[in-house]
Amino acid sequence: MTSVIAELSRILSPYYSEMSLMLMATLLVVYGDVINKYIKNVLAPCHFILRVSLFVLLCAFGYGMMTLYGAPFIRHIIAFLPWQYQGLGFISAFLLLGLLAEQRRYI
């Protein structure tokens, strides 16, 4: 069984950077509305122009920065796993996000 998991990691290893980006994007899709709702509550007492400007900045730069810096962070976290389990770690993370999306009724 360990050899099958190690072979999976060997096959997926050239794609770990792309998989980290996909994982971060999926995470933002599933939980982006929670972030938006929090920001909406924080900005509610502010003037309309300030609210709109900060929301645009959040969407344009905030989510972009989360994606840009979050993906390498996810890759760094997966790198703590032994090399033969890293592929399984990515697959498990995607399955966990799928379960969380199902729980939030996105599927």
PDB file of N, CA and C in Angstrom:
ATOM      1  N   MET A   1       0.826  -1.199   0.000  1.00  0.00           N
ATOM      2  CA  MET A   1       0.000   0.000   0.000  1.00  0.00           C
ATOM      3  C   MET A   1       0.866   1.257   0.000  1.00  0.00           C
ATOM      4  N   THR A   2       1.927   1.224   0.768  1.00  0.00           N
ATOM      5  CA  THR A   2       2.814   2.383   0.835  1.00  0.00           C
ATOM      6  C   THR A   2       3.443   2.672  -0.517  1.00  0.00           C
ATOM      7  N   SER A   3       3.734   1.629  -1.273  1.00  0.00           N
ATOM      8  CA  SER A   3       4.344   1.845  -2.590  1.00  0.00           C
ATOM      9  C   SER A   3       3.358   2.504  -3.550  1.00  0.00           C
ATOM     10  N   VAL A   4       2.083   2.205  -3.433  1.00  0.00           N
ATOM     11  CA  VAL A   4       1.071   2.831  -4.274  1.00  0.00           C
ATOM     12  C   VAL A   4       0.946   4.314  -3.918  1.00  0.00           C
ATOM     13  N   ILE A   5       0.957   4.620  -2.633  1.00  0.00           N
ATOM     14  CA  ILE A   5       0.867   6.014  -2.190  1.00  0.00           C
ATOM     15  C   ILE A   5       2.110   6.782  -2.612  1.00  0.00           C
ATOM     16  N   ALA A   6       3.282   6.141  -2.508  1.00  0.00           N
ATOM     17  CA  ALA A   6       4.524   6.783  -2.934  1.00  0.00           C
ATOM     18  C   ALA A   6       4.526   7.027  -4.442  1.00  0.00           C
ATOM     19  N   GLU A   7       3.998   6.094  -5.208  1.00  0.00           N
ATOM     20  CA  GLU A   7       3.910   6.273  -6.667  1.00  0.00           C
ATOM     21  C   GLU A   7       2.956   7.417  -7.012  1.00  0.00           C
ATOM     22  N   LEU A   8       1.859   7.534  -6.278  1.00  0.00           N
ATOM     23  CA  LEU A   8       0.934   8.646  -6.467  1.00  0.00           C
ATOM     24  C   LEU A   8       1.644   9.978  -6.219  1.00  0.00           C
ATOM     25  N   SER A   9       2.418  10.050  -5.150  1.00  0.00           N
ATOM     26  CA  SER A   9       3.171  11.273  -4.855  1.00  0.00           C
ATOM     27  C   SER A   9       4.197  11.569  -5.943  1.00  0.00           C
ATOM     28  N   ARG A  10       4.844  10.547  -6.466  1.00  0.00           N
ATOM     29  CA  ARG A  10       5.836  10.743  -7.522  1.00  0.00           C
ATOM     30  C   ARG A  10       5.168  11.288  -8.780  1.00  0.00           C
ATOM     31  N   ILE A  11       3.995  10.767  -9.109  1.00  0.00           N
ATOM     32  CA  ILE A  11       3.281  11.215 -10.308  1.00  0.00           C
ATOM     33  C   ILE A  11       2.788  12.655 -10.146  1.00  0.00           C
ATOM     34  N   LEU A  12       2.296  12.998  -8.962  1.00  0.00           N
ATOM     35  CA  LEU A  12       1.721  14.324  -8.735  1.00  0.00           C
ATOM     36  C   LEU A  12       2.760  15.392  -8.413  1.00  0.00           C
ATOM     37  N   SER A  13       3.955  15.013  -8.019  1.00  0.00           N
ATOM     38  CA  SER A  13       4.948  15.984  -7.535  1.00  0.00           C
ATOM     39  C   SER A  13       5.273  17.114  -8.512  1.00  0.00           C
ATOM     40  N   PRO A  14       5.304  16.902  -9.826  1.00  0.00           N
ATOM     41  CA  PRO A  14       5.564  18.055 -10.699  1.00  0.00           C
ATOM     42  C   PRO A  14       4.436  19.095 -10.689  1.00  0.00           C
ATOM     43  N   TYR A  15       3.287  18.745 -10.154  1.00  0.00           N
ATOM     44  CA  TYR A  15       2.117  19.620 -10.191  1.00  0.00           C
ATOM     45  C   TYR A  15       1.753  20.204  -8.827  1.00  0.00           C
ATOM     46  N   TYR A  16       2.619  20.070  -7.846  1.00  0.00           N
ATOM     47  CA  TYR A  16       2.291  20.535  -6.497  1.00  0.00           C
ATOM     48  C   TYR A  16       2.030  22.042  -6.446  1.00  0.00           C
ATOM     49  N   SER A  17       2.761  22.829  -7.197  1.00  0.00           N
ATOM     50  CA  SER A  17       2.523  24.279  -7.194  1.00  0.00           C
ATOM     51  C   SER A  17       1.143  24.612  -7.751  1.00  0.00           C
ATOM     52  N   GLU A  18       0.790  23.969  -8.850  1.00  0.00           N
ATOM     53  CA  GLU A  18      -0.530  24.196  -9.443  1.00  0.00           C
ATOM     54  C   GLU A  18      -1.633  23.684  -8.528  1.00  0.00           C
ATOM     55  N   MET A  19      -1.391  22.557  -7.878  1.00  0.00           N
ATOM     56  CA  MET A  19      -2.390  22.002  -6.973  1.00  0.00           C
ATOM     57  C   MET A  19      -2.574  22.904  -5.749  1.00  0.00           C
ATOM     58  N   SER A  20      -1.498  23.528  -5.293  1.00  0.00           N
ATOM     59  CA  SER A  20      -1.608  24.477  -4.179  1.00  0.00           C
ATOM     60  C   SER A  20      -2.462  25.672  -4.578  1.00  0.00           C
ATOM     61  N   LEU A  21      -2.255  26.163  -5.790  1.00  0.00           N
ATOM     62  CA  LEU A  21      -3.052  27.278  -6.289  1.00  0.00           C
ATOM     63  C   LEU A  21      -4.524  26.877  -6.419  1.00  0.00           C
ATOM     64  N   MET A  22      -4.777  25.691  -6.928  1.00  0.00           N
ATOM     65  CA  MET A  22      -6.160  25.206  -7.047  1.00  0.00           C
ATOM     66  C   MET A  22      -6.804  25.067  -5.670  1.00  0.00           C
ATOM     67  N   LEU A  23      -6.044  24.579  -4.718  1.00  0.00           N
ATOM     68  CA  LEU A  23      -6.566  24.402  -3.365  1.00  0.00           C
ATOM     69  C   LEU A  23      -6.905  25.750  -2.732  1.00  0.00           C
ATOM     70  N   MET A  24      -6.032  26.732  -2.925  1.00  0.00           N
ATOM     71  CA  MET A  24      -6.282  28.071  -2.366  1.00  0.00           C
ATOM     72  C   MET A  24      -7.490  28.717  -3.040  1.00  0.00           C
ATOM     73  N   ALA A  25      -7.597  28.588  -4.351  1.00  0.00           N
ATOM     74  CA  ALA A  25      -8.742  29.158  -5.065  1.00  0.00           C
ATOM     75  C   ALA A  25     -10.045  28.500  -4.605  1.00  0.00           C
ATOM     76  N   THR A  26     -10.032  27.205  -4.423  1.00  0.00           N
ATOM     77  CA  THR A  26     -11.221  26.491  -3.960  1.00  0.00           C
ATOM     78  C   THR A  26     -11.595  26.933  -2.548  1.00  0.00           C
ATOM     79  N   LEU A  27     -10.589  27.112  -1.716  1.00  0.00           N
ATOM     80  CA  LEU A  27     -10.829  27.573  -0.356  1.00  0.00           C
ATOM     81  C   LEU A  27     -11.480  28.956  -0.352  1.00  0.00           C
ATOM     82  N   LEU A  28     -11.016  29.843  -1.229  1.00  0.00           N
ATOM     83  CA  LEU A  28     -11.606  31.176  -1.312  1.00  0.00           C
ATOM     84  C   LEU A  28     -13.018  31.144  -1.884  1.00  0.00           C
ATOM     85  N   VAL A  29     -13.285  30.236  -2.789  1.00  0.00           N
ATOM     86  CA  VAL A  29     -14.647  30.113  -3.330  1.00  0.00           C
ATOM     87  C   VAL A  29     -15.603  29.641  -2.239  1.00  0.00           C
ATOM     88  N   VAL A  30     -15.170  28.658  -1.467  1.00  0.00           N
ATOM     89  CA  VAL A  30     -16.050  28.088  -0.448  1.00  0.00           C
ATOM     90  C   VAL A  30     -16.275  29.070   0.702  1.00  0.00           C
ATOM     91  N   TYR A  31     -15.231  29.832   1.089  1.00  0.00           N
ATOM     92  CA  TYR A  31     -15.348  30.708   2.255  1.00  0.00           C
ATOM     93  C   TYR A  31     -15.303  32.196   1.930  1.00  0.00           C
ATOM     94  N   GLY A  32     -15.312  32.568   0.669  1.00  0.00           N
ATOM     95  CA  GLY A  32     -15.294  33.987   0.296  1.00  0.00           C
ATOM     96  C   GLY A  32     -16.497  34.744   0.795  1.00  0.00           C
ATOM     97  N   ASP A  33     -17.650  34.115   0.815  1.00  0.00           N
ATOM     98  CA  ASP A  33     -18.855  34.803   1.290  1.00  0.00           C
ATOM     99  C   ASP A  33     -18.781  35.107   2.781  1.00  0.00           C
ATOM    100  N   VAL A  34     -18.088  34.272   3.535  1.00  0.00           N
ATOM    101  CA  VAL A  34     -17.913  34.537   4.966  1.00  0.00           C
ATOM    102  C   VAL A  34     -17.043  35.779   5.159  1.00  0.00           C
ATOM    103  N   ILE A  35     -15.975  35.886   4.366  1.00  0.00           N
ATOM    104  CA  ILE A  35     -15.095  37.053   4.421  1.00  0.00           C
ATOM    105  C   ILE A  35     -15.878  38.308   4.019  1.00  0.00           C
ATOM    106  N   ASN A  36     -16.636  38.208   2.924  1.00  0.00           N
ATOM    107  CA  ASN A  36     -17.419  39.361   2.453  1.00  0.00           C
ATOM    108  C   ASN A  36     -18.446  39.808   3.487  1.00  0.00           C
ATOM    109  N   LYS A  37     -19.093  38.858   4.133  1.00  0.00           N
ATOM    110  CA  LYS A  37     -20.096  39.205   5.142  1.00  0.00           C
ATOM    111  C   LYS A  37     -19.445  39.916   6.330  1.00  0.00           C
ATOM    112  N   TYR A  38     -18.272  39.436   6.738  1.00  0.00           N
ATOM    113  CA  TYR A  38     -17.558  40.080   7.845  1.00  0.00           C
ATOM    114  C   TYR A  38     -17.166  41.509   7.465  1.00  0.00           C
ATOM    115  N   ILE A  39     -16.606  41.681   6.275  1.00  0.00           N
ATOM    116  CA  ILE A  39     -16.200  43.011   5.816  1.00  0.00           C
ATOM    117  C   ILE A  39     -17.415  43.927   5.704  1.00  0.00           C
ATOM    118  N   LYS A  40     -18.527  43.385   5.243  1.00  0.00           N
ATOM    119  CA  LYS A  40     -19.756  44.179   5.134  1.00  0.00           C
ATOM    120  C   LYS A  40     -20.194  44.683   6.504  1.00  0.00           C
ATOM    121  N   ASN A  41     -20.122  43.833   7.506  1.00  0.00           N
ATOM    122  CA  ASN A  41     -20.509  44.246   8.858  1.00  0.00           C
ATOM    123  C   ASN A  41     -19.547  45.285   9.428  1.00  0.00           C
ATOM    124  N   VAL A  42     -18.260  45.140   9.136  1.00  0.00           N
ATOM    125  CA  VAL A  42     -17.272  46.094   9.639  1.00  0.00           C
ATOM    126  C   VAL A  42     -17.449  47.455   8.965  1.00  0.00           C
ATOM    127  N   LEU A  43     -17.734  47.441   7.662  1.00  0.00           N
ATOM    128  CA  LEU A  43     -17.833  48.680   6.902  1.00  0.00           C
ATOM    129  C   LEU A  43     -19.229  49.310   6.922  1.00  0.00           C
ATOM    130  N   ALA A  44     -20.194  48.682   7.544  1.00  0.00           N
ATOM    131  CA  ALA A  44     -21.575  49.178   7.526  1.00  0.00           C
ATOM    132  C   ALA A  44     -21.719  50.626   8.000  1.00  0.00           C
ATOM    133  N   PRO A  45     -21.046  51.051   9.056  1.00  0.00           N
ATOM    134  CA  PRO A  45     -21.237  52.442   9.488  1.00  0.00           C
ATOM    135  C   PRO A  45     -20.498  53.476   8.632  1.00  0.00           C
ATOM    136  N   CYS A  46     -19.673  53.053   7.708  1.00  0.00           N
ATOM    137  CA  CYS A  46     -18.869  53.986   6.901  1.00  0.00           C
ATOM    138  C   CYS A  46     -19.697  54.592   5.771  1.00  0.00           C
ATOM    139  N   HIS A  47     -19.179  55.662   5.204  1.00  0.00           N
ATOM    140  CA  HIS A  47     -19.814  56.345   4.088  1.00  0.00           C
ATOM    141  C   HIS A  47     -19.825  55.437   2.859  1.00  0.00           C
ATOM    142  N   PHE A  48     -20.804  55.635   1.983  1.00  0.00           N
ATOM    143  CA  PHE A  48     -20.992  54.808   0.790  1.00  0.00           C
ATOM    144  C   PHE A  48     -19.728  54.722  -0.063  1.00  0.00           C
ATOM    145  N   ILE A  49     -19.100  55.856  -0.337  1.00  0.00           N
ATOM    146  CA  ILE A  49     -17.916  55.874  -1.213  1.00  0.00           C
ATOM    147  C   ILE A  49     -16.772  55.093  -0.574  1.00  0.00           C
ATOM    148  N   LEU A  50     -16.597  55.235   0.723  1.00  0.00           N
ATOM    149  CA  LEU A  50     -15.551  54.484   1.425  1.00  0.00           C
ATOM    150  C   LEU A  50     -15.849  52.988   1.415  1.00  0.00           C
ATOM    151  N   ARG A  51     -17.116  52.626   1.638  1.00  0.00           N
ATOM    152  CA  ARG A  51     -17.502  51.206   1.611  1.00  0.00           C
ATOM    153  C   ARG A  51     -17.222  50.587   0.260  1.00  0.00           C
ATOM    154  N   VAL A  52     -17.626  51.269  -0.806  1.00  0.00           N
ATOM    155  CA  VAL A  52     -17.425  50.745  -2.162  1.00  0.00           C
ATOM    156  C   VAL A  52     -15.935  50.637  -2.470  1.00  0.00           C
ATOM    157  N   SER A  53     -15.181  51.667  -2.119  1.00  0.00           N
ATOM    158  CA  SER A  53     -13.738  51.673  -2.404  1.00  0.00           C
ATOM    159  C   SER A  53     -13.022  50.547  -1.671  1.00  0.00           C
ATOM    160  N   LEU A  54     -13.335  50.373  -0.406  1.00  0.00           N
ATOM    161  CA  LEU A  54     -12.674  49.316   0.366  1.00  0.00           C
ATOM    162  C   LEU A  54     -13.095  47.926  -0.108  1.00  0.00           C
ATOM    163  N   PHE A  55     -14.342  47.792  -0.521  1.00  0.00           N
ATOM    164  CA  PHE A  55     -14.781  46.492  -1.031  1.00  0.00           C
ATOM    165  C   PHE A  55     -14.063  46.151  -2.335  1.00  0.00           C
ATOM    166  N   VAL A  56     -13.915  47.138  -3.210  1.00  0.00           N
ATOM    167  CA  VAL A  56     -13.185  46.913  -4.464  1.00  0.00           C
ATOM    168  C   VAL A  56     -11.731  46.564  -4.165  1.00  0.00           C
ATOM    169  N   LEU A  57     -11.118  47.259  -3.222  1.00  0.00           N
ATOM    170  CA  LEU A  57      -9.739  46.940  -2.840  1.00  0.00           C
ATOM    171  C   LEU A  57      -9.629  45.531  -2.268  1.00  0.00           C
ATOM    172  N   LEU A  58     -10.602  45.146  -1.463  1.00  0.00           N
ATOM    173  CA  LEU A  58     -10.598  43.790  -0.915  1.00  0.00           C
ATOM    174  C   LEU A  58     -10.680  42.760  -2.030  1.00  0.00           C
ATOM    175  N   CYS A  59     -11.613  42.960  -2.949  1.00  0.00           N
ATOM    176  CA  CYS A  59     -11.795  41.986  -4.020  1.00  0.00           C
ATOM    177  C   CYS A  59     -10.606  41.956  -4.970  1.00  0.00           C
ATOM    178  N   ALA A  60     -10.106  43.122  -5.346  1.00  0.00           N
ATOM    179  CA  ALA A  60      -9.029  43.178  -6.324  1.00  0.00           C
ATOM    180  C   ALA A  60      -7.691  42.771  -5.719  1.00  0.00           C
ATOM    181  N   PHE A  61      -7.352  43.370  -4.591  1.00  0.00           N
ATOM    182  CA  PHE A  61      -6.031  43.141  -4.022  1.00  0.00           C
ATOM    183  C   PHE A  61      -6.044  42.119  -2.887  1.00  0.00           C
ATOM    184  N   GLY A  62      -7.077  42.138  -2.071  1.00  0.00           N
ATOM    185  CA  GLY A  62      -7.132  41.220  -0.932  1.00  0.00           C
ATOM    186  C   GLY A  62      -7.174  39.765  -1.363  1.00  0.00           C
ATOM    187  N   TYR A  63      -8.135  39.442  -2.227  1.00  0.00           N
ATOM    188  CA  TYR A  63      -8.233  38.059  -2.689  1.00  0.00           C
ATOM    189  C   TYR A  63      -7.042  37.684  -3.560  1.00  0.00           C
ATOM    190  N   GLY A  64      -6.540  38.649  -4.324  1.00  0.00           N
ATOM    191  CA  GLY A  64      -5.346  38.385  -5.131  1.00  0.00           C
ATOM    192  C   GLY A  64      -4.143  38.055  -4.270  1.00  0.00           C
ATOM    193  N   MET A  65      -3.955  38.832  -3.199  1.00  0.00           N
ATOM    194  CA  MET A  65      -2.829  38.570  -2.296  1.00  0.00           C
ATOM    195  C   MET A  65      -3.017  37.258  -1.546  1.00  0.00           C
ATOM    196  N   MET A  66      -4.252  36.970  -1.153  1.00  0.00           N
ATOM    197  CA  MET A  66      -4.497  35.691  -0.473  1.00  0.00           C
ATOM    198  C   MET A  66      -4.149  34.525  -1.389  1.00  0.00           C
ATOM    199  N   THR A  67      -4.489  34.666  -2.650  1.00  0.00           N
ATOM    200  CA  THR A  67      -4.171  33.613  -3.608  1.00  0.00           C
ATOM    201  C   THR A  67      -2.670  33.544  -3.862  1.00  0.00           C
ATOM    202  N   LEU A  68      -2.061  34.695  -4.072  1.00  0.00           N
ATOM    203  CA  LEU A  68      -0.643  34.755  -4.402  1.00  0.00           C
ATOM    204  C   LEU A  68       0.239  34.233  -3.271  1.00  0.00           C
ATOM    205  N   TYR A  69      -0.074  34.608  -2.033  1.00  0.00           N
ATOM    206  CA  TYR A  69       0.745  34.190  -0.900  1.00  0.00           C
ATOM    207  C   TYR A  69       0.199  32.956  -0.196  1.00  0.00           C
ATOM    208  N   GLY A  70      -1.068  32.677  -0.370  1.00  0.00           N
ATOM    209  CA  GLY A  70      -1.657  31.498   0.268  1.00  0.00           C
ATOM    210  C   GLY A  70      -1.259  30.199  -0.399  1.00  0.00           C
ATOM    211  N   ALA A  71      -1.134  30.212  -1.723  1.00  0.00           N
ATOM    212  CA  ALA A  71      -0.772  28.987  -2.445  1.00  0.00           C
ATOM    213  C   ALA A  71       0.617  28.481  -2.048  1.00  0.00           C
ATOM    214  N   PRO A  72       1.651  29.324  -2.015  1.00  0.00           N
ATOM    215  CA  PRO A  72       2.948  28.819  -1.549  1.00  0.00           C
ATOM    216  C   PRO A  72       2.921  28.384  -0.081  1.00  0.00           C
ATOM    217  N   PHE A  73       2.068  29.043   0.714  1.00  0.00           N
ATOM    218  CA  PHE A  73       1.947  28.641   2.113  1.00  0.00           C
ATOM    219  C   PHE A  73       1.357  27.233   2.217  1.00  0.00           C
ATOM    220  N   ILE A  74       0.346  26.944   1.412  1.00  0.00           N
ATOM    221  CA  ILE A  74      -0.231  25.597   1.400  1.00  0.00           C
ATOM    222  C   ILE A  74       0.815  24.582   0.960  1.00  0.00           C
ATOM    223  N   ARG A  75       1.588  24.921  -0.071  1.00  0.00           N
ATOM    224  CA  ARG A  75       2.664  24.032  -0.539  1.00  0.00           C
ATOM    225  C   ARG A  75       3.685  23.805   0.569  1.00  0.00           C
ATOM    226  N   HIS A  76       3.982  24.843   1.329  1.00  0.00           N
ATOM    227  CA  HIS A  76       4.928  24.737   2.438  1.00  0.00           C
ATOM    228  C   HIS A  76       4.384  23.809   3.528  1.00  0.00           C
ATOM    229  N   ILE A  77       3.093  23.906   3.808  1.00  0.00           N
ATOM    230  CA  ILE A  77       2.480  23.037   4.818  1.00  0.00           C
ATOM    231  C   ILE A  77       2.522  21.577   4.370  1.00  0.00           C
ATOM    232  N   ILE A  78       2.187  21.332   3.101  1.00  0.00           N
ATOM    233  CA  ILE A  78       2.216  19.957   2.571  1.00  0.00           C
ATOM    234  C   ILE A  78       3.640  19.408   2.609  1.00  0.00           C
ATOM    235  N   ALA A  79       4.633  20.284   2.451  1.00  0.00           N
ATOM    236  CA  ALA A  79       6.034  19.834   2.456  1.00  0.00           C
ATOM    237  C   ALA A  79       6.454  19.278   3.811  1.00  0.00           C
ATOM    238  N   PHE A  80       5.702  19.556   4.870  1.00  0.00           N
ATOM    239  CA  PHE A  80       6.018  18.977   6.168  1.00  0.00           C
ATOM    240  C   PHE A  80       5.703  17.483   6.223  1.00  0.00           C
ATOM    241  N   LEU A  81       4.847  17.022   5.333  1.00  0.00           N
ATOM    242  CA  LEU A  81       4.550  15.593   5.275  1.00  0.00           C
ATOM    243  C   LEU A  81       5.744  14.849   4.674  1.00  0.00           C
ATOM    244  N   PRO A  82       5.944  13.600   5.050  1.00  0.00           N
ATOM    245  CA  PRO A  82       6.974  12.814   4.361  1.00  0.00           C
ATOM    246  C   PRO A  82       6.664  12.758   2.867  1.00  0.00           C
ATOM    247  N   TRP A  83       7.686  12.731   2.026  1.00  0.00           N
ATOM    248  CA  TRP A  83       7.487  12.877   0.578  1.00  0.00           C
ATOM    249  C   TRP A  83       6.512  11.860   0.015  1.00  0.00           C
ATOM    250  N   GLN A  84       6.490  10.650   0.540  1.00  0.00           N
ATOM    251  CA  GLN A  84       5.606   9.631  -0.028  1.00  0.00           C
ATOM    252  C   GLN A  84       4.140   9.873   0.293  1.00  0.00           C
ATOM    253  N   TYR A  85       3.855  10.773   1.254  1.00  0.00           N
ATOM    254  CA  TYR A  85       2.470  11.057   1.621  1.00  0.00           C
ATOM    255  C   TYR A  85       1.987  12.426   1.135  1.00  0.00           C
ATOM    256  N   GLN A  86       2.823  13.175   0.444  1.00  0.00           N
ATOM    257  CA  GLN A  86       2.432  14.515   0.011  1.00  0.00           C
ATOM    258  C   GLN A  86       1.304  14.486  -1.018  1.00  0.00           C
ATOM    259  N   GLY A  87       1.344  13.582  -1.965  1.00  0.00           N
ATOM    260  CA  GLY A  87       0.258  13.458  -2.941  1.00  0.00           C
ATOM    261  C   GLY A  87      -1.056  13.119  -2.267  1.00  0.00           C
ATOM    262  N   LEU A  88      -0.993  12.202  -1.330  1.00  0.00           N
ATOM    263  CA  LEU A  88      -2.180  11.830  -0.562  1.00  0.00           C
ATOM    264  C   LEU A  88      -2.678  13.012   0.265  1.00  0.00           C
ATOM    265  N   GLY A  89      -1.743  13.848   0.753  1.00  0.00           N
ATOM    266  CA  GLY A  89      -2.127  15.040   1.506  1.00  0.00           C
ATOM    267  C   GLY A  89      -2.930  16.007   0.658  1.00  0.00           C
ATOM    268  N   PHE A  90      -2.486  16.217  -0.602  1.00  0.00           N
ATOM    269  CA  PHE A  90      -3.233  17.095  -1.501  1.00  0.00           C
ATOM    270  C   PHE A  90      -4.614  16.526  -1.802  1.00  0.00           C
ATOM    271  N   ILE A  91      -4.665  15.259  -2.120  1.00  0.00           N
ATOM    272  CA  ILE A  91      -5.955  14.634  -2.432  1.00  0.00           C
ATOM    273  C   ILE A  91      -6.885  14.697  -1.227  1.00  0.00           C
ATOM    274  N   SER A  92      -6.344  14.452  -0.048  1.00  0.00           N
ATOM    275  CA  SER A  92      -7.157  14.530   1.172  1.00  0.00           C
ATOM    276  C   SER A  92      -7.665  15.949   1.408  1.00  0.00           C
ATOM    277  N   ALA A  93      -6.820  16.944   1.138  1.00  0.00           N
ATOM    278  CA  ALA A  93      -7.245  18.337   1.315  1.00  0.00           C
ATOM    279  C   ALA A  93      -8.385  18.688   0.362  1.00  0.00           C
ATOM    280  N   PHE A  94      -8.288  18.220  -0.888  1.00  0.00           N
ATOM    281  CA  PHE A  94      -9.372  18.480  -1.839  1.00  0.00           C
ATOM    282  C   PHE A  94     -10.656  17.774  -1.414  1.00  0.00           C
ATOM    283  N   LEU A  95     -10.546  16.561  -0.930  1.00  0.00           N
ATOM    284  CA  LEU A  95     -11.739  15.849  -0.460  1.00  0.00           C
ATOM    285  C   LEU A  95     -12.345  16.545   0.759  1.00  0.00           C
ATOM    286  N   LEU A  96     -11.492  17.032   1.659  1.00  0.00           N
ATOM    287  CA  LEU A  96     -11.982  17.764   2.822  1.00  0.00           C
ATOM    288  C   LEU A  96     -12.704  19.033   2.399  1.00  0.00           C
ATOM    289  N   LEU A  97     -12.136  19.760   1.442  1.00  0.00           N
ATOM    290  CA  LEU A  97     -12.814  20.960   0.948  1.00  0.00           C
ATOM    291  C   LEU A  97     -14.137  20.615   0.275  1.00  0.00           C
ATOM    292  N   GLY A  98     -14.183  19.494  -0.421  1.00  0.00           N
ATOM    293  CA  GLY A  98     -15.441  19.043  -1.011  1.00  0.00           C
ATOM    294  C   GLY A  98     -16.486  18.757   0.048  1.00  0.00           C
ATOM    295  N   LEU A  99     -16.063  18.123   1.135  1.00  0.00           N
ATOM    296  CA  LEU A  99     -16.994  17.851   2.236  1.00  0.00           C
ATOM    297  C   LEU A  99     -17.458  19.152   2.897  1.00  0.00           C
ATOM    298  N   LEU A 100     -16.535  20.087   3.063  1.00  0.00           N
ATOM    299  CA  LEU A 100     -16.917  21.376   3.642  1.00  0.00           C
ATOM    300  C   LEU A 100     -17.862  22.149   2.718  1.00  0.00           C
ATOM    301  N   ALA A 101     -17.636  22.065   1.420  1.00  0.00           N
ATOM    302  CA  ALA A 101     -18.542  22.708   0.464  1.00  0.00           C
ATOM    303  C   ALA A 101     -19.919  22.055   0.516  1.00  0.00           C
ATOM    304  N   GLU A 102     -19.937  20.753   0.648  1.00  0.00           N
ATOM    305  CA  GLU A 102     -21.213  20.040   0.774  1.00  0.00           C
ATOM    306  C   GLU A 102     -21.936  20.468   2.056  1.00  0.00           C
ATOM    307  N   GLN A 103     -21.185  20.605   3.137  1.00  0.00           N
ATOM    308  CA  GLN A 103     -21.767  21.020   4.406  1.00  0.00           C
ATOM    309  C   GLN A 103     -22.349  22.425   4.316  1.00  0.00           C
ATOM    310  N   ARG A 104     -21.703  23.285   3.537  1.00  0.00           N
ATOM    311  CA  ARG A 104     -22.195  24.662   3.373  1.00  0.00           C
ATOM    312  C   ARG A 104     -23.229  24.752   2.253  1.00  0.00           C
ATOM    313  N   ARG A 105     -23.608  23.627   1.671  1.00  0.00           N
ATOM    314  CA  ARG A 105     -24.627  23.511   0.623  1.00  0.00           C
ATOM    315  C   ARG A 105     -24.225  24.198  -0.684  1.00  0.00           C
ATOM    316  N   TYR A 106     -22.939  24.083  -1.034  1.00  0.00           N
ATOM    317  CA  TYR A 106     -22.467  24.601  -2.322  1.00  0.00           C
ATOM    318  C   TYR A 106     -22.592  23.575  -3.424  1.00  0.00           C
ATOM    319  N   ILE A 107     -22.763  22.341  -3.041  1.00  0.00           N
ATOM    320  CA  ILE A 107     -22.863  21.268  -4.052  1.00  0.00           C
ATOM    321  C   ILE A 107     -24.300  20.807  -4.127  1.00  0.00           C
TER     322      ILE A 107
END
